[in-house]
Each structure stands twice: as C-alpha cells, then as structure tokens.
Amino acid sequence: MSRKIGVPTVEPKLGDPFSVETKVIEEIPEPQPVIVTEYTIAHYACPHCQKEVVATDASCPKEGIFGNNTIAQAALLKYEDRLPHRKIQNALMRQYGL
C-alpha cells in the first residue's frame, strides 16, 4: 500500500462513542493594525481679495492627531474603567502602539 506524504492514514472505525462532549471556547480577536490616514490640506489665496481659502474633509478632525475611535477608547478607559492618564497612555501603547 503506497502512502502520500502529508496525508494521514485512516484508523479503522471503533464504533459509536459511548459519550460525546462539547466545549465552547471564547477568544478575543487579535489586535488589528493601527490605521494611519494622511490628509493633504490645500491652502489657496483668492486672486481678488487675497483671502485664504482652506480645503476641508469631513472625516479629518479639526484639531488633534487622534481619530474618533481613539478618543472614544481613551474616554472609556478614563470614565468607565477609572484609569489615570498614565495608565491610559500605557494601555494604548501596549494594545495599539500609540
């Protein structure tokens, strides 16, 4: 009888099992990579009045360098988990590299 490499051999059937057990395992997902988005913000000067006109994007925050999900996570850690700023910083660094 020839056997292919990597293919397990089939053992003879032992009959019906006398007991069946199920086991449910709960697992958290692997940390997802951080999404970094770079926005190019164009500044223009009006040729008539020389007033500055700045392009905007609805998804670009008006201030700061963190997106809405990062801010929400930090707020949950601060107010729901009652962590001090030092521990919030450590948690975000450990989980997301921020």
Protein backbone atom coordinates (compact mmCIF):
# COMPACT_ATOMS: atom_id res chain seq x y z
CA MET A 1 0.00 0.00 0.00
CA SER A 2 1.51 3.35 -1.02
CA ARG A 3 1.15 6.39 1.22
CA LYS A 4 1.31 10.04 0.13
CA ILE A 5 3.42 12.38 2.24
CA GLY A 6 1.31 14.75 4.36
CA VAL A 7 -1.87 12.68 4.11
CA PRO A 8 -2.79 10.99 7.40
CA THR A 9 -3.74 7.34 7.39
CA VAL A 10 -7.29 6.49 8.39
CA GLU A 11 -7.58 4.35 11.50
CA PRO A 12 -10.21 1.62 11.50
CA LYS A 13 -13.57 2.77 12.85
CA LEU A 14 -14.03 2.00 16.56
CA GLY A 15 -17.81 2.09 16.54
CA ASP A 16 -20.14 4.62 18.10
CA PRO A 17 -18.79 6.69 21.02
CA PHE A 18 -20.32 5.99 24.42
CA SER A 19 -20.15 9.71 25.32
CA VAL A 20 -19.89 12.98 23.42
CA GLU A 21 -18.56 16.16 24.96
CA THR A 22 -18.77 19.70 23.63
CA LYS A 23 -16.51 22.52 24.64
CA VAL A 24 -17.06 26.22 23.90
CA ILE A 25 -14.01 28.47 23.91
CA GLU A 26 -14.33 32.25 23.92
CA GLU A 27 -11.42 34.20 22.45
CA ILE A 28 -10.80 37.86 21.84
CA PRO A 29 -9.64 38.81 18.34
CA GLU A 30 -6.04 39.60 17.56
CA PRO A 31 -5.27 43.31 17.79
CA GLN A 32 -5.89 44.97 14.46
CA PRO A 33 -3.20 47.15 12.91
CA VAL A 34 -3.48 50.87 13.52
CA ILE A 35 -4.91 52.76 10.55
CA VAL A 36 -2.95 55.91 9.77
CA THR A 37 -4.58 58.38 7.38
CA GLU A 38 -2.68 61.31 5.93
CA TYR A 39 -4.74 64.26 4.74
CA THR A 40 -3.33 66.78 2.27
CA ILE A 41 -4.91 70.12 3.12
CA ALA A 42 -4.64 72.63 0.30
CA HIS A 43 -4.47 76.37 1.07
CA TYR A 44 -5.44 78.82 -1.64
CA ALA A 45 -5.38 82.61 -1.91
CA CYS A 46 -8.27 84.37 -3.60
CA PRO A 47 -6.82 86.24 -6.59
CA HIS A 48 -9.15 89.21 -6.00
CA CYS A 49 -9.19 89.81 -2.21
CA GLN A 50 -6.16 87.71 -1.20
CA LYS A 51 -8.27 85.95 1.44
CA GLU A 52 -7.06 82.46 2.41
CA VAL A 53 -9.31 79.54 1.47
CA VAL A 54 -8.58 76.16 3.11
CA ALA A 55 -9.84 72.82 1.79
CA THR A 56 -11.70 70.63 4.31
CA ASP A 57 -12.60 66.97 4.64
CA ALA A 58 -15.49 65.84 6.84
CA SER A 59 -13.53 62.86 8.20
CA CYS A 60 -10.46 64.94 9.12
CA PRO A 61 -10.60 66.12 12.76
CA LYS A 62 -10.48 69.90 13.19
CA GLU A 63 -7.82 69.59 15.91
CA GLY A 64 -5.57 66.96 17.41
CA ILE A 65 -3.92 63.90 15.87
CA PHE A 66 -6.31 61.16 17.05
CA GLY A 67 -9.45 59.90 15.34
CA ASN A 68 -12.88 59.35 16.86
CA ASN A 69 -12.29 55.69 17.77
CA THR A 70 -9.07 56.50 19.64
CA ILE A 71 -10.76 59.32 21.55
CA ALA A 72 -13.71 57.07 22.42
CA GLN A 73 -11.38 54.33 23.68
CA ALA A 74 -9.47 56.81 25.85
CA ALA A 75 -12.74 58.19 27.25
CA LEU A 76 -13.94 54.67 28.13
CA LEU A 77 -10.68 53.91 29.88
CA LYS A 78 -10.86 57.19 31.81
CA TYR A 79 -14.50 57.27 32.87
CA GLU A 80 -15.75 53.68 32.69
CA ASP A 81 -12.58 51.95 33.91
CA ARG A 82 -11.49 54.97 36.02
CA LEU A 83 -7.87 54.77 34.93
CA PRO A 84 -5.47 57.66 35.47
CA HIS A 85 -3.89 59.29 32.40
CA ARG A 86 -0.62 57.41 32.95
CA LYS A 87 -2.38 54.03 32.76
CA ILE A 88 -4.47 55.11 29.77
CA GLN A 89 -1.25 56.01 27.97
CA ASN A 90 0.28 52.64 28.91
CA ALA A 91 -2.82 50.73 27.78
CA LEU A 92 -2.97 52.49 24.39
CA MET A 93 0.76 51.93 23.89
CA ARG A 94 0.53 48.25 24.85
CA GLN A 95 -2.55 47.46 22.76
CA TYR A 96 -2.13 49.70 19.74
CA GLY A 97 1.38 51.15 19.79
CA LEU A 98 0.02 54.69 20.20
